[in-house]
């Protein structure tokens, strides 16, 4: 409680918030964009009415330097393994290094 006796409400983290926090902490990205695309998969396997099951994630991080595309994806999957086991059905990943982004900004 605060000095005034008022209770602060605590908002639970969304799945998107959790993904962002874990990826930011582990990869120190220079760019991290996460888009909930669950509405595009309504009625498909793994979709739930409340959403937050399908995400498109773009990560630019020096941590990917020297790694293959598969190794980068495995790294990301390992970081968010708990969410993949429980709430997330699918991730569409774009994983690049800062140099790759400079060479091909698209």
PDB file of N, CA and C in Angstrom:
ATOM      1  N   UNK A   1       0.831  -1.181   0.000  1.00  0.00           N
ATOM      2  CA  UNK A   1       0.000   0.000   0.000  1.00  0.00           C
ATOM      3  C   UNK A   1       0.872   1.238   0.000  1.00  0.00           C
ATOM      4  N   UNK A   2       0.346   2.283  -0.590  1.00  0.00           N
ATOM      5  CA  UNK A   2       1.053   3.557  -0.568  1.00  0.00           C
ATOM      6  C   UNK A   2       0.674   4.295   0.699  1.00  0.00           C
ATOM      7  N   UNK A   3       1.300   5.443   0.913  1.00  0.00           N
ATOM      8  CA  UNK A   3       1.017   6.252   2.085  1.00  0.00           C
ATOM      9  C   UNK A   3      -0.440   6.648   2.191  1.00  0.00           C
ATOM     10  N   UNK A   4      -1.137   6.789   1.087  1.00  0.00           N
ATOM     11  CA  UNK A   4      -2.534   7.187   1.109  1.00  0.00           C
ATOM     12  C   UNK A   4      -3.458   6.003   1.339  1.00  0.00           C
ATOM     13  N   UNK A   5      -2.890   4.804   1.376  1.00  0.00           N
ATOM     14  CA  UNK A   5      -3.704   3.626   1.594  1.00  0.00           C
ATOM     15  C   UNK A   5      -4.324   3.076   0.323  1.00  0.00           C
ATOM     16  N   UNK A   6      -4.101   3.729  -0.798  1.00  0.00           N
ATOM     17  CA  UNK A   6      -4.682   3.273  -2.063  1.00  0.00           C
ATOM     18  C   UNK A   6      -3.887   2.091  -2.608  1.00  0.00           C
ATOM     19  N   UNK A   7      -4.590   1.155  -3.205  1.00  0.00           N
ATOM     20  CA  UNK A   7      -3.933   0.020  -3.845  1.00  0.00           C
ATOM     21  C   UNK A   7      -3.687   0.344  -5.304  1.00  0.00           C
ATOM     22  N   UNK A   8      -2.537  -0.055  -5.790  1.00  0.00           N
ATOM     23  CA  UNK A   8      -2.244   0.133  -7.209  1.00  0.00           C
ATOM     24  C   UNK A   8      -2.704  -1.095  -7.970  1.00  0.00           C
ATOM     25  N   UNK A   9      -3.324  -0.871  -9.108  1.00  0.00           N
ATOM     26  CA  UNK A   9      -3.717  -2.020  -9.910  1.00  0.00           C
ATOM     27  C   UNK A   9      -2.514  -2.442 -10.753  1.00  0.00           C
ATOM     28  N   UNK A  10      -2.362  -3.726 -10.888  1.00  0.00           N
ATOM     29  CA  UNK A  10      -1.246  -4.276 -11.642  1.00  0.00           C
ATOM     30  C   UNK A  10      -1.823  -4.966 -12.866  1.00  0.00           C
ATOM     31  N   UNK A  11      -1.379  -4.526 -14.035  1.00  0.00           N
ATOM     32  CA  UNK A  11      -1.848  -5.115 -15.288  1.00  0.00           C
ATOM     33  C   UNK A  11      -0.975  -6.314 -15.599  1.00  0.00           C
ATOM     34  N   UNK A  12      -1.625  -7.428 -15.877  1.00  0.00           N
ATOM     35  CA  UNK A  12      -0.877  -8.619 -16.261  1.00  0.00           C
ATOM     36  C   UNK A  12      -0.229  -8.380 -17.620  1.00  0.00           C
ATOM     37  N   UNK A  13       0.956  -8.924 -17.781  1.00  0.00           N
ATOM     38  CA  UNK A  13       1.643  -8.785 -19.066  1.00  0.00           C
ATOM     39  C   UNK A  13       0.918  -9.608 -20.123  1.00  0.00           C
ATOM     40  N   UNK A  14       0.762  -9.026 -21.294  1.00  0.00           N
ATOM     41  CA  UNK A  14       0.207  -9.774 -22.408  1.00  0.00           C
ATOM     42  C   UNK A  14       1.284 -10.715 -22.941  1.00  0.00           C
ATOM     43  N   UNK A  15       0.882 -11.641 -23.785  1.00  0.00           N
ATOM     44  CA  UNK A  15       1.858 -12.528 -24.420  1.00  0.00           C
ATOM     45  C   UNK A  15       2.844 -11.687 -25.226  1.00  0.00           C
ATOM     46  N   UNK A  16       2.342 -10.692 -25.939  1.00  0.00           N
ATOM     47  CA  UNK A  16       3.209  -9.825 -26.731  1.00  0.00           C
ATOM     48  C   UNK A  16       4.219  -9.093 -25.841  1.00  0.00           C
ATOM     49  N   UNK A  17       3.773  -8.604 -24.682  1.00  0.00           N
ATOM     50  CA  UNK A  17       4.681  -7.951 -23.737  1.00  0.00           C
ATOM     51  C   UNK A  17       5.771  -8.921 -23.270  1.00  0.00           C
ATOM     52  N   UNK A  18       5.376 -10.148 -22.994  1.00  0.00           N
ATOM     53  CA  UNK A  18       6.320 -11.160 -22.522  1.00  0.00           C
ATOM     54  C   UNK A  18       7.344 -11.491 -23.598  1.00  0.00           C
ATOM     55  N   UNK A  19       6.873 -11.672 -24.837  1.00  0.00           N
ATOM     56  CA  UNK A  19       7.788 -11.946 -25.943  1.00  0.00           C
ATOM     57  C   UNK A  19       8.794 -10.803 -26.084  1.00  0.00           C
ATOM     58  N   UNK A  20       8.295  -9.579 -26.044  1.00  0.00           N
ATOM     59  CA  UNK A  20       9.159  -8.399 -26.194  1.00  0.00           C
ATOM     60  C   UNK A  20      10.200  -8.341 -25.080  1.00  0.00           C
ATOM     61  N   UNK A  21       9.782  -8.544 -23.856  1.00  0.00           N
ATOM     62  CA  UNK A  21      10.706  -8.466 -22.725  1.00  0.00           C
ATOM     63  C   UNK A  21      11.789  -9.536 -22.820  1.00  0.00           C
ATOM     64  N   UNK A  22      11.412 -10.760 -23.117  1.00  0.00           N
ATOM     65  CA  UNK A  22      12.391 -11.846 -23.188  1.00  0.00           C
ATOM     66  C   UNK A  22      13.370 -11.658 -24.339  1.00  0.00           C
ATOM     67  N   UNK A  23      12.855 -11.302 -25.524  1.00  0.00           N
ATOM     68  CA  UNK A  23      13.730 -11.128 -26.679  1.00  0.00           C
ATOM     69  C   UNK A  23      14.649  -9.925 -26.507  1.00  0.00           C
ATOM     70  N   UNK A  24      14.130  -8.846 -25.947  1.00  0.00           N
ATOM     71  CA  UNK A  24      14.959  -7.660 -25.730  1.00  0.00           C
ATOM     72  C   UNK A  24      16.079  -7.949 -24.733  1.00  0.00           C
ATOM     73  N   UNK A  25      15.773  -8.652 -23.673  1.00  0.00           N
ATOM     74  CA  UNK A  25      16.779  -8.955 -22.664  1.00  0.00           C
ATOM     75  C   UNK A  25      17.858  -9.893 -23.198  1.00  0.00           C
ATOM     76  N   UNK A  26      17.459 -10.878 -23.969  1.00  0.00           N
ATOM     77  CA  UNK A  26      18.404 -11.893 -24.431  1.00  0.00           C
ATOM     78  C   UNK A  26      19.229 -11.460 -25.639  1.00  0.00           C
ATOM     79  N   UNK A  27      18.623 -10.682 -26.539  1.00  0.00           N
ATOM     80  CA  UNK A  27      19.279 -10.382 -27.823  1.00  0.00           C
ATOM     81  C   UNK A  27      19.746  -8.939 -27.964  1.00  0.00           C
ATOM     82  N   UNK A  28      19.348  -8.060 -27.066  1.00  0.00           N
ATOM     83  CA  UNK A  28      19.731  -6.640 -27.144  1.00  0.00           C
ATOM     84  C   UNK A  28      19.557  -6.110 -28.577  1.00  0.00           C
ATOM     85  N   UNK A  29      18.369  -6.239 -29.147  1.00  0.00           N
ATOM     86  CA  UNK A  29      18.181  -5.869 -30.554  1.00  0.00           C
ATOM     87  C   UNK A  29      18.231  -4.364 -30.789  1.00  0.00           C
ATOM     88  N   UNK A  30      18.621  -4.002 -32.007  1.00  0.00           N
ATOM     89  CA  UNK A  30      18.544  -2.609 -32.429  1.00  0.00           C
ATOM     90  C   UNK A  30      17.172  -2.334 -33.039  1.00  0.00           C
ATOM     91  N   UNK A  31      16.478  -3.392 -33.409  1.00  0.00           N
ATOM     92  CA  UNK A  31      15.093  -3.287 -33.878  1.00  0.00           C
ATOM     93  C   UNK A  31      14.357  -4.533 -33.407  1.00  0.00           C
ATOM     94  N   UNK A  32      13.168  -4.310 -32.867  1.00  0.00           N
ATOM     95  CA  UNK A  32      12.311  -5.414 -32.453  1.00  0.00           C
ATOM     96  C   UNK A  32      10.872  -5.013 -32.703  1.00  0.00           C
ATOM     97  N   UNK A  33      10.272  -5.633 -33.698  1.00  0.00           N
ATOM     98  CA  UNK A  33       8.876  -5.363 -34.022  1.00  0.00           C
ATOM     99  C   UNK A  33       8.095  -6.659 -33.864  1.00  0.00           C
ATOM    100  N   UNK A  34       7.022  -6.582 -33.104  1.00  0.00           N
ATOM    101  CA  UNK A  34       6.181  -7.745 -32.861  1.00  0.00           C
ATOM    102  C   UNK A  34       4.755  -7.361 -33.212  1.00  0.00           C
ATOM    103  N   UNK A  35       4.164  -8.120 -34.118  1.00  0.00           N
ATOM    104  CA  UNK A  35       2.799  -7.857 -34.567  1.00  0.00           C
ATOM    105  C   UNK A  35       1.947  -9.084 -34.291  1.00  0.00           C
ATOM    106  N   UNK A  36       0.835  -8.883 -33.591  1.00  0.00           N
ATOM    107  CA  UNK A  36      -0.112  -9.958 -33.333  1.00  0.00           C
ATOM    108  C   UNK A  36      -0.968 -10.136 -34.585  1.00  0.00           C
ATOM    109  N   UNK A  37      -0.788 -11.250 -35.265  1.00  0.00           N
ATOM    110  CA  UNK A  37      -1.548 -11.539 -36.483  1.00  0.00           C
ATOM    111  C   UNK A  37      -2.600 -12.617 -36.244  1.00  0.00           C
ATOM    112  N   UNK A  38      -2.988 -12.808 -35.006  1.00  0.00           N
ATOM    113  CA  UNK A  38      -3.934 -13.867 -34.658  1.00  0.00           C
ATOM    114  C   UNK A  38      -5.261 -13.733 -35.396  1.00  0.00           C
ATOM    115  N   UNK A  39      -5.697 -12.507 -35.606  1.00  0.00           N
ATOM    116  CA  UNK A  39      -6.976 -12.290 -36.285  1.00  0.00           C
ATOM    117  C   UNK A  39      -6.964 -12.853 -37.709  1.00  0.00           C
ATOM    118  N   UNK A  40      -5.787 -12.981 -38.306  1.00  0.00           N
ATOM    119  CA  UNK A  40      -5.683 -13.531 -39.657  1.00  0.00           C
ATOM    120  C   UNK A  40      -5.834 -15.045 -39.675  1.00  0.00           C
ATOM    121  N   UNK A  41      -5.808 -15.655 -38.495  1.00  0.00           N
ATOM    122  CA  UNK A  41      -5.835 -17.112 -38.394  1.00  0.00           C
ATOM    123  C   UNK A  41      -7.072 -17.617 -37.658  1.00  0.00           C
ATOM    124  N   UNK A  42      -8.061 -16.770 -37.497  1.00  0.00           N
ATOM    125  CA  UNK A  42      -9.288 -17.169 -36.807  1.00  0.00           C
ATOM    126  C   UNK A  42      -9.877 -18.402 -37.487  1.00  0.00           C
ATOM    127  N   UNK A  43     -10.232 -19.390 -36.681  1.00  0.00           N
ATOM    128  CA  UNK A  43     -10.803 -20.628 -37.209  1.00  0.00           C
ATOM    129  C   UNK A  43      -9.769 -21.662 -37.602  1.00  0.00           C
ATOM    130  N   UNK A  44      -8.504 -21.301 -37.611  1.00  0.00           N
ATOM    131  CA  UNK A  44      -7.430 -22.239 -37.960  1.00  0.00           C
ATOM    132  C   UNK A  44      -6.941 -22.953 -36.707  1.00  0.00           C
ATOM    133  N   UNK A  45      -6.173 -23.988 -36.914  1.00  0.00           N
ATOM    134  CA  UNK A  45      -5.587 -24.734 -35.802  1.00  0.00           C
ATOM    135  C   UNK A  45      -4.761 -23.804 -34.922  1.00  0.00           C
ATOM    136  N   UNK A  46      -4.920 -23.954 -33.627  1.00  0.00           N
ATOM    137  CA  UNK A  46      -4.127 -23.183 -32.686  1.00  0.00           C
ATOM    138  C   UNK A  46      -4.671 -21.810 -32.365  1.00  0.00           C
ATOM    139  N   UNK A  47      -5.644 -21.332 -33.113  1.00  0.00           N
ATOM    140  CA  UNK A  47      -6.209 -19.998 -32.868  1.00  0.00           C
ATOM    141  C   UNK A  47      -7.191 -20.063 -31.696  1.00  0.00           C
ATOM    142  N   UNK A  48      -7.195 -19.015 -30.892  1.00  0.00           N
ATOM    143  CA  UNK A  48      -8.147 -18.898 -29.792  1.00  0.00           C
ATOM    144  C   UNK A  48      -8.900 -17.586 -29.951  1.00  0.00           C
ATOM    145  N   UNK A  49     -10.133 -17.525 -29.501  1.00  0.00           N
ATOM    146  CA  UNK A  49     -10.934 -16.301 -29.658  1.00  0.00           C
ATOM    147  C   UNK A  49     -10.271 -15.064 -29.054  1.00  0.00           C
ATOM    148  N   UNK A  50      -9.528 -15.223 -27.959  1.00  0.00           N
ATOM    149  CA  UNK A  50      -8.897 -14.064 -27.309  1.00  0.00           C
ATOM    150  C   UNK A  50      -7.630 -13.609 -28.005  1.00  0.00           C
ATOM    151  N   UNK A  51      -7.184 -14.351 -29.021  1.00  0.00           N
ATOM    152  CA  UNK A  51      -6.014 -13.943 -29.805  1.00  0.00           C
ATOM    153  C   UNK A  51      -4.706 -14.269 -29.115  1.00  0.00           C
ATOM    154  N   UNK A  52      -3.672 -13.555 -29.533  1.00  0.00           N
ATOM    155  CA  UNK A  52      -2.311 -13.723 -29.026  1.00  0.00           C
ATOM    156  C   UNK A  52      -1.797 -15.156 -29.203  1.00  0.00           C
ATOM    157  N   UNK A  53      -2.017 -15.691 -30.411  1.00  0.00           N
ATOM    158  CA  UNK A  53      -1.539 -17.039 -30.730  1.00  0.00           C
ATOM    159  C   UNK A  53      -0.580 -17.048 -31.911  1.00  0.00           C
ATOM    160  N   UNK A  54      -0.668 -16.072 -32.794  1.00  0.00           N
ATOM    161  CA  UNK A  54       0.133 -16.004 -34.013  1.00  0.00           C
ATOM    162  C   UNK A  54       0.812 -14.627 -34.092  1.00  0.00           C
ATOM    163  N   UNK A  55       2.139 -14.629 -34.177  1.00  0.00           N
ATOM    164  CA  UNK A  55       2.883 -13.375 -34.184  1.00  0.00           C
ATOM    165  C   UNK A  55       3.877 -13.327 -35.337  1.00  0.00           C
ATOM    166  N   UNK A  56       4.050 -12.124 -35.880  1.00  0.00           N
ATOM    167  CA  UNK A  56       5.136 -11.844 -36.828  1.00  0.00           C
ATOM    168  C   UNK A  56       6.155 -11.011 -36.066  1.00  0.00           C
ATOM    169  N   UNK A  57       7.412 -11.475 -36.073  1.00  0.00           N
ATOM    170  CA  UNK A  57       8.463 -10.819 -35.306  1.00  0.00           C
ATOM    171  C   UNK A  57       9.640 -10.504 -36.208  1.00  0.00           C
ATOM    172  N   UNK A  58      10.059  -9.249 -36.180  1.00  0.00           N
ATOM    173  CA  UNK A  58      11.279  -8.830 -36.874  1.00  0.00           C
ATOM    174  C   UNK A  58      12.290  -8.427 -35.817  1.00  0.00           C
ATOM    175  N   UNK A  59      13.458  -9.073 -35.860  1.00  0.00           N
ATOM    176  CA  UNK A  59      14.512  -8.790 -34.897  1.00  0.00           C
ATOM    177  C   UNK A  59      15.798  -8.479 -35.657  1.00  0.00           C
ATOM    178  N   UNK A  60      16.420  -7.372 -35.299  1.00  0.00           N
ATOM    179  CA  UNK A  60      17.748  -7.031 -35.818  1.00  0.00           C
ATOM    180  C   UNK A  60      18.674  -7.014 -34.608  1.00  0.00           C
ATOM    181  N   UNK A  61      19.664  -7.908 -34.620  1.00  0.00           N
ATOM    182  CA  UNK A  61      20.549  -8.032 -33.470  1.00  0.00           C
ATOM    183  C   UNK A  61      21.930  -8.508 -33.889  1.00  0.00           C
ATOM    184  N   UNK A  62      22.944  -7.933 -33.284  1.00  0.00           N
ATOM    185  CA  UNK A  62      24.319  -8.378 -33.517  1.00  0.00           C
ATOM    186  C   UNK A  62      24.520  -9.808 -33.024  1.00  0.00           C
ATOM    187  N   UNK A  63      23.653 -10.288 -32.156  1.00  0.00           N
ATOM    188  CA  UNK A  63      23.747 -11.656 -31.642  1.00  0.00           C
ATOM    189  C   UNK A  63      23.594 -12.703 -32.746  1.00  0.00           C
ATOM    190  N   UNK A  64      23.044 -12.314 -33.887  1.00  0.00           N
ATOM    191  CA  UNK A  64      22.851 -13.246 -34.997  1.00  0.00           C
ATOM    192  C   UNK A  64      24.072 -13.360 -35.913  1.00  0.00           C
ATOM    193  N   UNK A  65      25.064 -12.539 -35.705  1.00  0.00           N
ATOM    194  CA  UNK A  65      26.245 -12.537 -36.582  1.00  0.00           C
ATOM    195  C   UNK A  65      26.887 -13.923 -36.615  1.00  0.00           C
ATOM    196  N   UNK A  66      27.172 -14.385 -37.830  1.00  0.00           N
ATOM    197  CA  UNK A  66      27.841 -15.663 -38.022  1.00  0.00           C
ATOM    198  C   UNK A  66      26.939 -16.876 -37.886  1.00  0.00           C
ATOM    199  N   UNK A  67      25.654 -16.671 -37.648  1.00  0.00           N
ATOM    200  CA  UNK A  67      24.729 -17.791 -37.492  1.00  0.00           C
ATOM    201  C   UNK A  67      23.895 -17.984 -38.743  1.00  0.00           C
ATOM    202  N   UNK A  68      23.571 -19.233 -39.031  1.00  0.00           N
ATOM    203  CA  UNK A  68      22.681 -19.538 -40.148  1.00  0.00           C
ATOM    204  C   UNK A  68      21.255 -19.120 -39.790  1.00  0.00           C
ATOM    205  N   UNK A  69      20.413 -19.085 -40.795  1.00  0.00           N
ATOM    206  CA  UNK A  69      19.004 -18.746 -40.579  1.00  0.00           C
ATOM    207  C   UNK A  69      18.368 -19.716 -39.584  1.00  0.00           C
ATOM    208  N   UNK A  70      18.657 -20.999 -39.738  1.00  0.00           N
ATOM    209  CA  UNK A  70      18.096 -22.011 -38.843  1.00  0.00           C
ATOM    210  C   UNK A  70      18.603 -21.807 -37.413  1.00  0.00           C
ATOM    211  N   UNK A  71      19.886 -21.530 -37.249  1.00  0.00           N
ATOM    212  CA  UNK A  71      20.442 -21.302 -35.910  1.00  0.00           C
ATOM    213  C   UNK A  71      19.806 -20.083 -35.254  1.00  0.00           C
ATOM    214  N   UNK A  72      19.568 -19.050 -36.025  1.00  0.00           N
ATOM    215  CA  UNK A  72      18.924 -17.837 -35.493  1.00  0.00           C
ATOM    216  C   UNK A  72      17.516 -18.159 -35.007  1.00  0.00           C
ATOM    217  N   UNK A  73      16.777 -18.904 -35.807  1.00  0.00           N
ATOM    218  CA  UNK A  73      15.413 -19.257 -35.428  1.00  0.00           C
ATOM    219  C   UNK A  73      15.400 -20.151 -34.199  1.00  0.00           C
ATOM    220  N   UNK A  74      16.319 -21.088 -34.135  1.00  0.00           N
ATOM    221  CA  UNK A  74      16.403 -21.949 -32.944  1.00  0.00           C
ATOM    222  C   UNK A  74      16.710 -21.126 -31.699  1.00  0.00           C
ATOM    223  N   UNK A  75      17.565 -20.135 -31.841  1.00  0.00           N
ATOM    224  CA  UNK A  75      17.888 -19.254 -30.724  1.00  0.00           C
ATOM    225  C   UNK A  75      16.640 -18.538 -30.230  1.00  0.00           C
ATOM    226  N   UNK A  76      15.887 -17.968 -31.153  1.00  0.00           N
ATOM    227  CA  UNK A  76      14.654 -17.264 -30.785  1.00  0.00           C
ATOM    228  C   UNK A  76      13.657 -18.232 -30.149  1.00  0.00           C
ATOM    229  N   UNK A  77      13.469 -19.402 -30.758  1.00  0.00           N
ATOM    230  CA  UNK A  77      12.538 -20.391 -30.200  1.00  0.00           C
ATOM    231  C   UNK A  77      12.941 -20.801 -28.787  1.00  0.00           C
ATOM    232  N   UNK A  78      14.232 -20.917 -28.534  1.00  0.00           N
ATOM    233  CA  UNK A  78      14.698 -21.264 -27.201  1.00  0.00           C
ATOM    234  C   UNK A  78      14.381 -20.189 -26.180  1.00  0.00           C
ATOM    235  N   UNK A  79      14.497 -18.942 -26.584  1.00  0.00           N
ATOM    236  CA  UNK A  79      14.226 -17.817 -25.675  1.00  0.00           C
ATOM    237  C   UNK A  79      12.753 -17.769 -25.288  1.00  0.00           C
ATOM    238  N   UNK A  80      11.864 -18.092 -26.217  1.00  0.00           N
ATOM    239  CA  UNK A  80      10.421 -18.016 -25.945  1.00  0.00           C
ATOM    240  C   UNK A  80       9.781 -19.407 -25.864  1.00  0.00           C
ATOM    241  N   UNK A  81      10.569 -20.392 -25.458  1.00  0.00           N
ATOM    242  CA  UNK A  81      10.097 -21.780 -25.414  1.00  0.00           C
ATOM    243  C   UNK A  81       8.849 -21.956 -24.552  1.00  0.00           C
ATOM    244  N   UNK A  82       8.803 -21.304 -23.411  1.00  0.00           N
ATOM    245  CA  UNK A  82       7.638 -21.445 -22.524  1.00  0.00           C
ATOM    246  C   UNK A  82       6.364 -20.946 -23.205  1.00  0.00           C
ATOM    247  N   UNK A  83       6.451 -19.827 -23.897  1.00  0.00           N
ATOM    248  CA  UNK A  83       5.277 -19.275 -24.589  1.00  0.00           C
ATOM    249  C   UNK A  83       4.847 -20.192 -25.740  1.00  0.00           C
ATOM    250  N   UNK A  84       5.802 -20.792 -26.422  1.00  0.00           N
ATOM    251  CA  UNK A  84       5.474 -21.722 -27.500  1.00  0.00           C
ATOM    252  C   UNK A  84       4.802 -22.984 -26.954  1.00  0.00           C
ATOM    253  N   UNK A  85       5.164 -23.391 -25.759  1.00  0.00           N
ATOM    254  CA  UNK A  85       4.544 -24.580 -25.139  1.00  0.00           C
ATOM    255  C   UNK A  85       3.136 -24.292 -24.650  1.00  0.00           C
ATOM    256  N   UNK A  86       2.874 -23.038 -24.282  1.00  0.00           N
ATOM    257  CA  UNK A  86       1.618 -22.759 -23.591  1.00  0.00           C
ATOM    258  C   UNK A  86       0.627 -21.888 -24.359  1.00  0.00           C
ATOM    259  N   UNK A  87       1.046 -20.782 -24.933  1.00  0.00           N
ATOM    260  CA  UNK A  87       0.100 -19.818 -25.501  1.00  0.00           C
ATOM    261  C   UNK A  87       0.272 -19.544 -26.980  1.00  0.00           C
ATOM    262  N   UNK A  88       1.498 -19.595 -27.477  1.00  0.00           N
ATOM    263  CA  UNK A  88       1.771 -19.196 -28.861  1.00  0.00           C
ATOM    264  C   UNK A  88       1.732 -20.418 -29.766  1.00  0.00           C
ATOM    265  N   UNK A  89       0.974 -20.293 -30.842  1.00  0.00           N
ATOM    266  CA  UNK A  89       0.870 -21.389 -31.806  1.00  0.00           C
ATOM    267  C   UNK A  89       1.894 -21.255 -32.930  1.00  0.00           C
ATOM    268  N   UNK A  90       2.163 -20.015 -33.366  1.00  0.00           N
ATOM    269  CA  UNK A  90       3.056 -19.834 -34.515  1.00  0.00           C
ATOM    270  C   UNK A  90       3.780 -18.494 -34.457  1.00  0.00           C
ATOM    271  N   UNK A  91       5.031 -18.535 -34.920  1.00  0.00           N
ATOM    272  CA  UNK A  91       5.836 -17.325 -35.079  1.00  0.00           C
ATOM    273  C   UNK A  91       6.317 -17.256 -36.520  1.00  0.00           C
ATOM    274  N   UNK A  92       6.210 -16.085 -37.126  1.00  0.00           N
ATOM    275  CA  UNK A  92       6.829 -15.819 -38.424  1.00  0.00           C
ATOM    276  C   UNK A  92       8.006 -14.899 -38.121  1.00  0.00           C
ATOM    277  N   UNK A  93       9.222 -15.388 -38.369  1.00  0.00           N
ATOM    278  CA  UNK A  93      10.410 -14.667 -37.945  1.00  0.00           C
ATOM    279  C   UNK A  93      11.203 -14.066 -39.095  1.00  0.00           C
ATOM    280  N   UNK A  94      11.690 -12.862 -38.866  1.00  0.00           N
ATOM    281  CA  UNK A  94      12.707 -12.232 -39.697  1.00  0.00           C
ATOM    282  C   UNK A  94      13.845 -11.910 -38.745  1.00  0.00           C
ATOM    283  N   UNK A  95      15.003 -12.539 -38.967  1.00  0.00           N
ATOM    284  CA  UNK A  95      16.149 -12.372 -38.069  1.00  0.00           C
ATOM    285  C   UNK A  95      17.342 -11.891 -38.880  1.00  0.00           C
ATOM    286  N   UNK A  96      17.789 -10.665 -38.587  1.00  0.00           N
ATOM    287  CA  UNK A  96      18.916 -10.092 -39.338  1.00  0.00           C
ATOM    288  C   UNK A  96      19.901  -9.424 -38.389  1.00  0.00           C
ATOM    289  N   UNK A  97      21.106  -9.243 -38.895  1.00  0.00           N
ATOM    290  CA  UNK A  97      22.116  -8.478 -38.166  1.00  0.00           C
ATOM    291  C   UNK A  97      21.996  -7.013 -38.581  1.00  0.00           C
ATOM    292  N   UNK A  98      22.559  -6.089 -37.816  1.00  0.00           N
ATOM    293  CA  UNK A  98      22.549  -4.686 -38.224  1.00  0.00           C
ATOM    294  C   UNK A  98      23.207  -4.485 -39.592  1.00  0.00           C
ATOM    295  N   UNK A  99      24.278  -5.213 -39.879  1.00  0.00           N
ATOM    296  CA  UNK A  99      24.938  -5.111 -41.180  1.00  0.00           C
ATOM    297  C   UNK A  99      24.014  -5.566 -42.302  1.00  0.00           C
ATOM    298  N   UNK A 100      23.302  -6.656 -42.109  1.00  0.00           N
ATOM    299  CA  UNK A 100      22.355  -7.130 -43.125  1.00  0.00           C
ATOM    300  C   UNK A 100      21.253  -6.108 -43.368  1.00  0.00           C
ATOM    301  N   UNK A 101      20.811  -5.447 -42.324  1.00  0.00           N
ATOM    302  CA  UNK A 101      19.791  -4.417 -42.464  1.00  0.00           C
ATOM    303  C   UNK A 101      20.335  -3.232 -43.273  1.00  0.00           C
ATOM    304  N   UNK A 102      21.574  -2.826 -43.003  1.00  0.00           N
ATOM    305  CA  UNK A 102      22.173  -1.716 -43.762  1.00  0.00           C
ATOM    306  C   UNK A 102      22.322  -2.075 -45.234  1.00  0.00           C
ATOM    307  N   UNK A 103      22.714  -3.318 -45.511  1.00  0.00           N
ATOM    308  CA  UNK A 103      22.922  -3.756 -46.888  1.00  0.00           C
ATOM    309  C   UNK A 103      21.634  -3.950 -47.662  1.00  0.00           C
ATOM    310  N   UNK A 104      20.565  -4.322 -46.946  1.00  0.00           N
ATOM    311  CA  UNK A 104      19.276  -4.586 -47.582  1.00  0.00           C
ATOM    312  C   UNK A 104      18.164  -4.160 -46.619  1.00  0.00           C
ATOM    313  N   UNK A 105      17.819  -2.870 -46.615  1.00  0.00           N
ATOM    314  CA  UNK A 105      16.864  -2.366 -45.634  1.00  0.00           C
ATOM    315  C   UNK A 105      15.429  -2.888 -45.801  1.00  0.00           C
ATOM    316  N   UNK A 106      15.140  -3.559 -46.866  1.00  0.00           N
ATOM    317  CA  UNK A 106      13.774  -4.061 -47.090  1.00  0.00           C
ATOM    318  C   UNK A 106      13.496  -5.295 -46.288  1.00  0.00           C
TER     319      UNK A 106
END
